[in-house]
Protein backbone atom coordinates (compact mmCIF):
# COMPACT_ATOMS: atom_id res chain seq x y z
CA MET A 1 -15.83 -13.88 8.15
CA MET A 2 -19.30 -13.47 9.59
CA THR A 3 -19.23 -13.89 13.51
CA ASP A 4 -22.19 -14.96 15.58
CA VAL A 5 -21.45 -12.33 18.30
CA LEU A 6 -19.29 -9.18 18.42
CA ILE A 7 -18.43 -8.11 21.83
CA ILE A 8 -17.44 -4.45 21.83
CA LYS A 9 -15.95 -2.50 24.79
CA ALA A 10 -17.37 1.16 24.18
CA GLY A 11 -14.40 2.89 26.14
CA ILE A 12 -10.70 3.14 25.53
CA ALA A 13 -8.82 -0.32 25.98
CA HIS A 14 -5.64 -0.54 27.97
CA ARG A 15 -3.68 -3.09 25.95
CA GLU A 16 -1.35 -3.96 28.93
CA ARG A 17 -4.15 -5.28 30.87
CA GLU A 18 -5.04 -7.95 28.35
CA THR A 19 -2.58 -10.60 29.88
CA LYS A 20 -2.74 -9.35 33.43
CA TYR A 21 -6.40 -9.26 34.44
CA ASN A 22 -9.36 -11.79 34.28
CA GLY A 23 -11.00 -9.41 31.71
CA GLN A 24 -14.65 -9.39 31.21
CA GLU A 25 -14.85 -9.19 27.31
CA LEU A 26 -12.33 -12.03 26.65
CA GLY A 27 -14.14 -14.25 29.37
CA LEU A 28 -17.34 -13.85 27.82
CA CYS A 29 -16.07 -14.44 24.49
CA ILE A 30 -14.35 -17.69 25.37
CA ALA A 31 -17.56 -18.77 26.95
CA PHE A 32 -19.64 -17.99 23.77
CA GLN A 33 -16.98 -20.05 21.82
CA LYS A 34 -17.39 -23.03 24.22
CA ALA A 35 -21.20 -22.92 23.61
CA GLY A 36 -20.56 -23.20 19.90
CA LEU A 37 -20.69 -19.47 18.87
CA ASN A 38 -18.23 -17.74 16.72
CA ALA A 39 -17.43 -14.67 18.84
CA ARG A 40 -14.93 -11.96 18.75
CA VAL A 41 -13.87 -8.87 20.88
CA ILE A 42 -13.43 -5.44 19.53
CA TYR A 43 -11.24 -3.03 21.62
CA PHE A 44 -10.76 0.60 20.80
CA SER A 45 -7.13 1.87 21.10
CA ASP A 46 -5.60 5.27 20.55
CA THR A 47 -2.05 3.43 20.41
CA VAL A 48 -2.70 1.65 16.96
CA ASP A 49 -2.87 3.30 13.53
CA THR A 50 -4.59 0.46 11.92
CA VAL A 51 -6.76 -2.51 12.76
CA GLN A 52 -4.60 -5.15 14.51
CA GLN A 53 -5.22 -8.54 15.82
CA SER A 54 -3.81 -8.97 19.41
CA GLU A 55 -0.50 -10.84 19.78
CA HIS A 56 -1.87 -12.80 22.76
CA ASN A 57 -5.38 -13.66 21.97
CA ARG A 58 -6.73 -14.35 18.48
CA GLU A 59 -10.14 -13.52 19.75
CA ILE A 60 -9.25 -9.94 20.26
CA THR A 61 -9.07 -7.11 17.63
CA TYR A 62 -7.94 -3.55 18.08
CA VAL A 63 -9.59 -0.78 16.15
CA PRO A 64 -8.02 2.66 15.98
CA CYS A 65 -9.80 5.64 17.76
CA ARG A 66 -9.05 9.08 18.96
CA LYS A 67 -9.00 9.55 22.76
CA LEU A 68 -10.96 12.31 24.37
CA GLY A 69 -10.15 12.13 28.20
CA ASN A 70 -10.86 8.60 28.97
CA GLN A 71 -13.55 8.24 26.14
CA ALA A 72 -13.03 6.68 22.67
CA TYR A 73 -14.15 8.42 19.63
CA VAL A 74 -14.20 6.02 16.73
CA SER A 75 -15.23 6.10 13.07
CA VAL A 76 -18.13 3.42 12.98
CA ASN A 77 -17.43 2.78 9.42
CA GLN A 78 -14.39 0.57 10.52
CA LEU A 79 -16.88 -1.79 12.04
CA LYS A 80 -17.88 -2.66 8.47
CA ALA A 81 -15.07 -5.05 8.29
CA PHE A 82 -16.54 -7.27 11.13
CA PRO A 83 -19.83 -8.50 9.91
CA THR A 84 -21.85 -10.19 12.63
CA LYS A 85 -25.46 -11.47 13.48
CA ALA A 86 -25.43 -10.11 16.98
CA VAL A 87 -23.64 -7.38 19.07
CA PHE A 88 -23.07 -7.22 22.69
CA ILE A 89 -21.78 -3.77 23.98
CA MET A 90 -20.03 -3.18 27.29
CA ALA A 91 -21.80 0.19 27.28
CA ASP A 92 -22.17 1.89 30.63
CA ASN A 93 -22.71 5.47 29.66
CA LYS A 94 -19.70 6.11 27.35
CA LEU A 95 -19.47 9.01 25.00
CA PHE A 96 -20.13 8.09 21.26
CA VAL A 97 -21.76 4.75 22.31
CA SER A 98 -25.00 5.98 20.63
CA GLY A 99 -23.13 6.21 17.26
CA ILE A 100 -22.24 2.48 17.63
CA ILE A 101 -25.73 1.59 18.51
CA ASN A 102 -27.27 3.44 15.60
CA PHE A 103 -24.60 1.96 13.31
CA TYR A 104 -26.10 -1.65 13.96
CA LEU A 105 -29.75 -0.53 14.34
CA LYS A 106 -29.45 0.52 10.64
CA GLN A 107 -28.36 -2.88 9.66
CA GLY A 108 -31.33 -4.47 11.59
CA ILE A 109 -29.21 -5.56 14.52
CA VAL A 110 -30.47 -4.62 18.02
CA PRO A 111 -27.46 -4.49 20.21
CA VAL A 112 -27.55 -5.79 23.76
CA CYS A 113 -25.97 -3.30 26.11
CA TYR A 114 -24.42 -4.28 29.56
CA PHE A 115 -24.35 -1.73 32.29
CA GLY A 116 -22.34 -1.54 35.55
CA VAL A 117 -22.89 2.10 36.14
CA LEU A 118 -24.32 5.11 34.42
CA PHE A 119 -22.46 7.85 36.17
CA SER A 120 -18.91 8.65 37.15
CA ASN A 121 -18.13 7.84 40.72
CA SER A 122 -15.74 10.73 40.85
CA ASN A 123 -16.11 13.30 43.65
CA LYS A 124 -15.33 16.10 41.06
CA LYS A 125 -18.48 17.94 40.23
CA ILE A 126 -17.50 18.61 36.62
CA LYS A 127 -17.26 14.76 35.97
CA LYS A 128 -20.67 14.19 37.42
CA ILE A 129 -22.05 17.05 35.11
CA VAL A 130 -20.30 15.40 32.09
CA SER A 131 -21.81 12.10 32.81
CA ARG A 132 -25.36 13.50 32.95
CA VAL A 133 -24.82 15.41 29.65
CA ILE A 134 -23.52 12.11 27.99
CA LEU A 135 -26.69 10.28 29.29
CA GLU A 136 -28.97 12.76 27.60
CA THR A 137 -27.03 12.11 24.41
CA ASN A 138 -27.19 8.48 24.77
CA ARG A 139 -30.82 8.12 26.17
CA GLY A 140 -32.51 7.85 22.80
CA ALA A 141 -30.25 5.11 21.51
CA PHE A 142 -30.58 3.09 24.83
CA ALA A 143 -34.34 3.18 24.43
CA LYS A 144 -33.88 0.92 21.30
CA THR A 145 -31.44 -1.57 22.70
CA ILE A 146 -31.75 -4.75 24.98
CA ASN A 147 -30.36 -3.51 28.12
CA ILE A 148 -28.82 -5.71 30.98
CA ALA A 149 -27.52 -4.50 34.34
CA LYS A 150 -24.73 -6.15 36.18
CA THR A 151 -26.30 -5.58 39.54
CA GLN A 152 -29.70 -4.72 41.04
CA ALA A 153 -28.28 -1.19 41.90
CA ALA A 154 -27.41 -0.76 38.28
CA ARG A 155 -30.92 -1.91 37.25
CA ASN A 156 -32.48 0.69 39.62
CA GLU A 157 -30.26 3.46 38.14
CA LEU A 158 -31.37 2.49 34.60
CA GLU A 159 -35.02 2.55 35.64
CA LYS A 160 -34.87 5.75 37.67
CA TYR A 161 -33.66 7.50 34.38
CA LYS A 162 -36.49 5.69 32.37
CA ILE A 163 -34.01 3.41 30.54
CA GLY A 164 -35.53 -0.13 30.20
CA CYS A 165 -33.81 -3.14 31.61
CA LYS A 166 -34.52 -6.56 30.60
CA ASP A 167 -32.48 -8.44 33.42
CA VAL A 168 -29.75 -8.39 36.04
CA ILE A 169 -26.79 -10.72 35.15
CA PRO A 170 -23.51 -10.39 36.94
CA VAL A 171 -20.16 -10.46 35.63
CA GLY A 172 -18.01 -13.61 36.09
CA LEU A 173 -14.60 -15.33 36.12
CA ASP A 174 -12.88 -16.80 33.13
CA MET A 175 -12.09 -20.32 34.23
CA THR A 176 -9.41 -20.61 31.56
CA LYS A 177 -7.51 -18.03 33.37
CA LEU A 178 -7.70 -19.46 36.90
CA HIS A 179 -5.32 -21.81 38.64
CA LEU A 180 -7.35 -25.08 38.89
CA GLU A 181 -4.59 -27.38 40.22
CA PRO A 182 -4.58 -28.27 44.03
CA VAL A 183 -2.66 -25.84 46.17
CA GLU A 184 -0.72 -26.56 49.39
CA LYS A 185 -1.21 -23.50 51.51
CA ASN A 186 1.56 -24.21 53.92
CA GLN A 187 4.09 -24.63 51.15
CA ILE A 188 3.17 -21.34 49.61
CA ARG A 189 3.52 -19.73 53.02
CA SER A 190 6.92 -21.37 53.40
CA ASP A 191 8.05 -20.33 49.91
CA MET A 192 6.97 -16.60 50.62
CA LYS A 193 8.83 -16.70 54.09
CA TYR A 194 5.53 -16.54 56.33
CA ASP A 195 5.24 -18.73 59.40
CA GLN A 196 2.23 -21.12 59.56
CA ALA A 197 1.04 -19.18 62.63
CA ASP A 198 0.88 -15.85 60.84
CA LYS A 199 -2.63 -14.26 60.36
CA ILE A 200 -2.39 -12.85 56.86
CA ILE A 201 -4.84 -10.09 55.71
CA LEU A 202 -4.97 -9.23 51.94
CA PHE A 203 -5.71 -5.93 50.27
CA VAL A 204 -5.73 -5.74 46.38
CA GLY A 205 -6.78 -2.57 44.57
CA ARG A 206 -5.59 0.68 42.98
CA PHE A 207 -4.47 3.31 45.30
CA VAL A 208 -7.18 5.79 44.74
CA PRO A 209 -9.52 7.52 47.37
CA GLU A 210 -12.51 5.25 46.81
CA LYS A 211 -10.34 2.10 47.56
CA LYS A 212 -9.42 3.33 50.91
CA ALA A 213 -5.97 1.84 50.86
CA PRO A 214 -4.57 4.15 53.83
CA TYR A 215 -7.63 3.43 55.87
CA PHE A 216 -6.71 -0.21 55.38
CA VAL A 217 -3.35 0.35 57.08
CA GLU A 218 -5.12 2.09 60.04
CA MET A 219 -7.47 -0.82 60.51
CA PHE A 220 -4.72 -3.36 60.32
CA ALA A 221 -2.75 -1.39 62.85
CA GLU A 222 -5.62 -1.97 65.24
CA LEU A 223 -5.45 -5.73 64.52
CA HIS A 224 -1.69 -5.85 64.96
CA LYS A 225 -2.02 -3.94 68.19
CA ARG A 226 -4.22 -6.90 69.47
CA ASP A 227 -2.07 -9.58 68.16
CA SER A 228 1.44 -9.19 66.65
CA SER A 229 1.01 -12.37 64.58
CA TYR A 230 -1.13 -10.43 62.09
CA LYS A 231 0.50 -9.71 58.82
CA ALA A 232 -0.68 -7.61 55.82
CA ILE A 233 -0.10 -7.91 52.24
CA ILE A 234 -1.06 -4.85 50.08
CA ILE A 235 -0.95 -5.19 46.32
CA GLY A 236 -1.51 -2.21 44.19
CA ASN A 237 -0.24 1.14 43.02
CA GLY A 238 -1.76 4.52 42.15
CA ALA A 239 -1.85 8.21 43.17
CA GLU A 240 -1.98 7.37 46.89
CA ARG A 241 1.20 5.13 46.92
CA ASP A 242 3.33 7.63 49.02
CA GLN A 243 0.35 8.09 51.43
CA VAL A 244 0.20 4.38 51.98
CA LYS A 245 3.78 3.93 52.38
CA ASN A 246 4.06 6.85 54.75
CA LYS A 247 1.13 5.49 56.84
CA ILE A 248 2.87 2.21 57.15
CA GLN A 249 6.08 3.93 58.43
CA GLU A 250 4.10 6.35 60.77
CA MET A 251 2.43 3.42 62.41
CA GLU A 252 5.63 1.44 62.65
CA LEU A 253 4.35 -1.58 60.58
CA ARG A 254 7.25 -1.88 58.14
CA ASP A 255 8.13 -5.42 59.34
CA SER A 256 4.49 -6.42 59.36
CA VAL A 257 3.13 -5.18 56.07
CA LYS A 258 4.44 -6.19 52.69
CA LEU A 259 3.71 -3.51 49.93
CA ILE A 260 3.73 -4.94 46.43
CA ASP A 261 3.23 -2.70 43.22
CA GLY A 262 1.85 -5.47 41.20
CA VAL A 263 1.66 -9.14 40.63
CA GLU A 264 1.28 -11.12 37.34
CA TYR A 265 -2.05 -12.58 37.19
CA ALA A 266 -0.83 -15.99 36.69
CA ASN A 267 0.75 -15.73 40.20
CA MET A 268 -2.16 -13.99 41.87
CA TYR A 269 -3.68 -17.21 43.19
CA LYS A 270 -0.90 -17.73 45.48
CA TYR A 271 -1.73 -14.61 47.45
CA TYR A 272 -5.46 -15.63 47.78
CA CYS A 273 -4.59 -19.08 48.84
CA LEU A 274 -1.99 -18.03 51.44
CA ALA A 275 -4.27 -15.19 53.00
CA ASP A 276 -6.58 -15.77 55.88
CA CYS A 277 -8.89 -12.87 54.95
CA PHE A 278 -9.35 -10.57 52.04
CA VAL A 279 -10.63 -6.96 52.84
CA ASN A 280 -12.38 -4.84 50.29
CA LEU A 281 -13.20 -1.22 51.64
CA SER A 282 -14.77 0.56 48.77
CA LYS A 283 -18.45 1.72 49.29
CA ILE A 284 -18.86 2.28 45.57
CA GLU A 285 -17.58 -1.08 44.25
CA ILE A 286 -19.35 -1.56 40.99
CA PHE A 287 -18.67 -5.34 40.89
CA GLY A 288 -15.35 -6.59 42.61
CA MET A 289 -13.55 -9.21 40.51
CA ALA A 290 -10.97 -9.57 43.43
CA ILE A 291 -13.79 -10.71 45.65
CA LEU A 292 -14.91 -13.33 43.14
CA GLU A 293 -11.14 -14.60 43.00
CA SER A 294 -10.84 -14.57 46.65
CA MET A 295 -13.89 -16.74 47.25
CA PHE A 296 -13.07 -18.98 44.31
CA TYR A 297 -9.59 -19.58 46.08
CA GLY A 298 -11.11 -20.10 49.58
CA CYS A 299 -10.13 -16.99 51.14
CA PRO A 300 -12.79 -15.49 53.35
CA VAL A 301 -14.07 -11.89 52.44
CA VAL A 302 -15.02 -9.04 54.58
CA ALA A 303 -16.25 -6.09 52.32
CA HIS A 304 -17.92 -2.76 52.61
CA SER A 305 -21.53 -2.87 51.42
CA ALA A 306 -21.70 -1.68 47.83
CA PRO A 307 -23.54 -2.60 44.66
CA GLY A 308 -20.96 -5.36 43.61
CA PRO A 309 -20.32 -7.01 46.98
CA ASP A 310 -23.95 -6.95 47.87
CA SER A 311 -24.73 -9.01 44.81
CA ILE A 312 -21.92 -11.51 45.37
CA ILE A 313 -21.95 -12.15 49.26
CA GLU A 314 -24.44 -13.92 51.24
CA GLN A 315 -24.06 -12.35 54.66
CA GLY A 316 -22.48 -14.84 57.08
CA LYS A 317 -22.50 -17.67 54.67
CA THR A 318 -20.34 -16.80 51.78
CA GLY A 319 -18.58 -13.81 53.37
CA TRP A 320 -19.42 -10.56 55.47
CA LEU A 321 -20.53 -7.15 54.69
CA LEU A 322 -19.96 -4.08 56.77
CA SER A 323 -20.99 -0.36 56.47
CA GLY A 324 -19.12 2.74 57.64
CA TYR A 325 -15.44 3.03 58.61
CA ASN A 326 -15.16 2.37 62.28
CA LYS A 327 -11.79 0.77 62.30
CA TYR A 328 -12.67 -1.13 65.58
CA GLU A 329 -15.65 -2.71 63.96
CA TRP A 330 -13.68 -3.70 60.95
CA ALA A 331 -10.85 -5.16 63.13
CA ASP A 332 -13.44 -7.05 65.17
CA ARG A 333 -15.01 -8.67 61.98
CA VAL A 334 -11.76 -9.49 60.45
CA GLU A 335 -10.45 -10.92 63.65
CA ALA A 336 -13.63 -13.17 63.98
CA CYS A 337 -13.29 -14.08 60.21
CA VAL A 338 -9.76 -15.25 60.87
CA GLY A 339 -10.89 -17.14 63.91
CA GLU A 340 -13.92 -18.81 62.53
CA GLU A 341 -14.00 -22.09 60.84
CA VAL A 342 -15.31 -20.94 57.37
CA ASN A 343 -16.85 -23.37 55.05
CA SER A 344 -14.86 -22.15 52.01
CA THR A 345 -16.62 -24.82 49.84
CA VAL A 346 -19.86 -22.93 50.07
CA ALA A 347 -18.39 -19.75 48.97
CA LYS A 348 -16.39 -21.46 45.96
CA ASP A 349 -19.51 -23.34 44.98
CA SER A 350 -21.39 -20.07 44.84
CA ILE A 351 -18.89 -18.69 42.51
CA ILE A 352 -18.87 -21.75 40.22
CA HIS A 353 -22.58 -21.98 39.96
CA ASN A 354 -23.34 -18.21 39.61
CA PHE A 355 -20.27 -16.06 38.75
CA THR A 356 -18.33 -17.88 35.91
CA TRP A 357 -18.64 -16.72 32.18
CA ASP A 358 -19.69 -20.11 31.15
CA THR A 359 -22.83 -19.84 33.36
CA ILE A 360 -23.38 -16.19 32.37
CA ALA A 361 -23.08 -16.69 28.66
CA LYS A 362 -26.01 -18.98 28.74
CA ARG A 363 -28.17 -16.38 30.31
CA ILE A 364 -27.07 -13.57 27.93
CA GLU A 365 -27.32 -15.64 24.77
CA LYS A 366 -31.15 -15.83 24.99
CA TYR A 367 -31.41 -12.16 24.17
CA PHE A 368 -29.57 -12.57 20.86
CA MET A 369 -31.79 -12.69 17.79
CA LEU A 370 -29.76 -15.33 16.07
């Protein structure tokens, strides 16, 4: 069956994330469908041997590929099974994406490519070198596509390397996955054994160096020293888990910090709703879905200045941005955030009007040659 729009994620898909996250590809697909377009998502997976439809979402199809590091090598001839009028590629600078682009160009379809970043944010020199080699491989193909950046920083990067960019269009939230019913904050706190007077600070993210989870514990320790009613909830897992756990013990915060490996996405809203402040510490945050979710649920955000937060937060109005890692400055800002009367309606309205896939799909659709 001919689709109007095929949404392709160029890298390896992690199937377990399909039901746990507010995924970009599926959110955009559902928004296109609401707008009357027949849309489908193609994920490449090294865990399937044949083309398979998702068990959870009829809009998703998994196509077999070979894995090279975190890159997907796919036989593009498999894409012949999915005739389409338009193609939207979550491209970034993935290895072999030029093969996908050229496959559709030969059919007279000019793909629209979506970029959050061109190069690896890893501190490892070899990864940065590999990213530049891949860009040289892809540059010719990108010159023939319609390119859209997720942030102004991504647009600047594209233009720096002489890759055209038609527009800056952010990522968004899938409203079908959000909890839209009224929430009683005090009841959630009571259910989770928190006092109404507790000042709860939330951290959500992978435990990798760029997310600064151990530093969050240090910053929180400064807050707790000032006022013992501060509590922290840290949701995440990863290579630095032991470091985070040891830091909590070292600073004698075991009774004030709750460390949670993971939360089903359907229940995440409870944590955003009960928290008094959400903290994001990454200075290389490409976008920040957790920031969007926090603002949607009325939880004030303090974030490190980075491409994503800079494009979401209006300083002092819908949240706060800081630079550097002075724990006293961060503690001061979080403390002020908790103590201020924040107009959470302004932040939520900003998300609804600018950062949902329903809104974003309308902006993207105009670039399809349908």
